[in-house]
Amino acid sequence: MPRISRRDHIQSVLLMLHERDNTRRQELDEYPRVLQEHETPAPQCPIYDGFVADGGADAIVRLTPREVNTLWMSVRCHVSRY
């Protein structure tokens, strides 16, 4: 079996990266990050919705350990079941 040249290897890696990039772009097109004007976000849970209502989406990023524990306690049984 002939040995793959360095150039062929580089080309195959670049092709693989290009295909991966195309796949990711297609996935992003399939699942957009921004809601359309006529869409409303699906309700999550009352506790989660309360955090978002109080501080917007950034509030989730800035949760304190106590707030994370509150959320975790509300979903722990569901998560451990599956």
Protein backbone atom coordinates (compact mmCIF):
# COMPACT_ATOMS: atom_id res chain seq x y z
CA MET A 1 0.00 0.00 0.00
CA PRO A 2 1.57 3.32 -1.02
CA ARG A 3 2.34 5.87 1.62
CA ILE A 4 0.24 9.05 1.52
CA SER A 5 2.32 12.08 0.71
CA ARG A 6 2.35 15.03 3.05
CA ARG A 7 0.61 17.19 0.47
CA ASP A 8 -2.19 14.63 0.01
CA HIS A 9 -2.59 14.39 3.76
CA ILE A 10 -2.87 18.17 4.11
CA GLN A 11 -5.39 18.32 1.29
CA SER A 12 -7.49 15.57 2.85
CA VAL A 13 -7.46 17.34 6.24
CA LEU A 14 -8.45 20.64 4.64
CA LEU A 15 -11.25 18.91 2.75
CA MET A 16 -12.48 17.30 5.96
CA LEU A 17 -12.44 20.68 7.76
CA HIS A 18 -14.29 22.31 4.88
CA GLU A 19 -16.97 19.60 4.96
CA ARG A 20 -17.30 19.94 8.73
CA ASP A 21 -17.69 23.70 8.38
CA ASN A 22 -20.40 23.24 5.76
CA THR A 23 -22.23 20.77 7.99
CA ARG A 24 -22.15 23.16 10.93
CA ARG A 25 -23.41 26.03 8.81
CA GLN A 26 -26.29 23.86 7.58
CA GLU A 27 -27.15 22.97 11.18
CA LEU A 28 -27.15 26.65 12.15
CA ASP A 29 -29.45 27.40 9.23
CA GLU A 30 -31.76 24.62 10.36
CA TYR A 31 -31.83 25.86 13.95
CA PRO A 32 -31.60 29.66 13.92
CA ARG A 33 -30.44 31.47 17.04
CA VAL A 34 -32.84 34.40 16.71
CA LEU A 35 -36.60 34.09 17.04
CA GLN A 36 -38.68 35.18 14.12
CA GLU A 37 -40.98 38.13 14.84
CA HIS A 38 -44.12 36.00 14.94
CA GLU A 39 -42.59 33.29 17.17
CA THR A 40 -42.88 33.28 20.93
CA PRO A 41 -40.43 31.41 23.11
CA ALA A 42 -41.69 28.13 24.50
CA PRO A 43 -42.25 28.31 28.24
CA GLN A 44 -39.51 26.52 30.18
CA CYS A 45 -40.54 26.33 33.80
CA PRO A 46 -41.85 28.89 36.29
CA ILE A 47 -38.54 29.20 38.12
CA TYR A 48 -36.50 29.60 34.93
CA ASP A 49 -39.04 32.04 33.51
CA GLY A 50 -38.79 34.08 36.71
CA PHE A 51 -35.02 34.46 36.30
CA VAL A 52 -35.42 35.51 32.66
CA ALA A 53 -38.23 37.95 33.51
CA ASP A 54 -36.13 39.56 36.24
CA GLY A 55 -32.88 39.95 34.29
CA GLY A 56 -33.31 38.83 30.70
CA ALA A 57 -31.26 36.09 29.06
CA ASP A 58 -28.06 37.45 30.62
CA ALA A 59 -29.44 36.68 34.05
CA ILE A 60 -28.99 32.98 33.36
CA VAL A 61 -25.29 33.49 32.65
CA ARG A 62 -24.82 35.41 35.89
CA LEU A 63 -26.58 33.00 38.26
CA THR A 64 -25.25 32.79 41.78
CA PRO A 65 -24.52 29.36 43.31
CA ARG A 66 -27.70 29.67 45.39
CA GLU A 67 -29.80 30.36 42.28
CA VAL A 68 -28.18 27.43 40.44
CA ASN A 69 -29.05 25.19 43.39
CA THR A 70 -32.65 26.40 43.29
CA LEU A 71 -32.90 25.54 39.61
CA TRP A 72 -31.12 22.23 40.10
CA MET A 73 -33.46 21.18 42.91
CA SER A 74 -36.44 21.83 40.64
CA VAL A 75 -35.14 19.58 37.83
CA ARG A 76 -33.00 17.05 39.71
CA CYS A 77 -35.62 14.29 39.86
CA HIS A 78 -36.41 14.65 36.18
CA VAL A 79 -32.74 14.60 35.16
CA SER A 80 -31.87 11.60 37.32
CA ARG A 81 -34.85 9.66 35.92
CA TYR A 82 -33.46 9.88 32.39
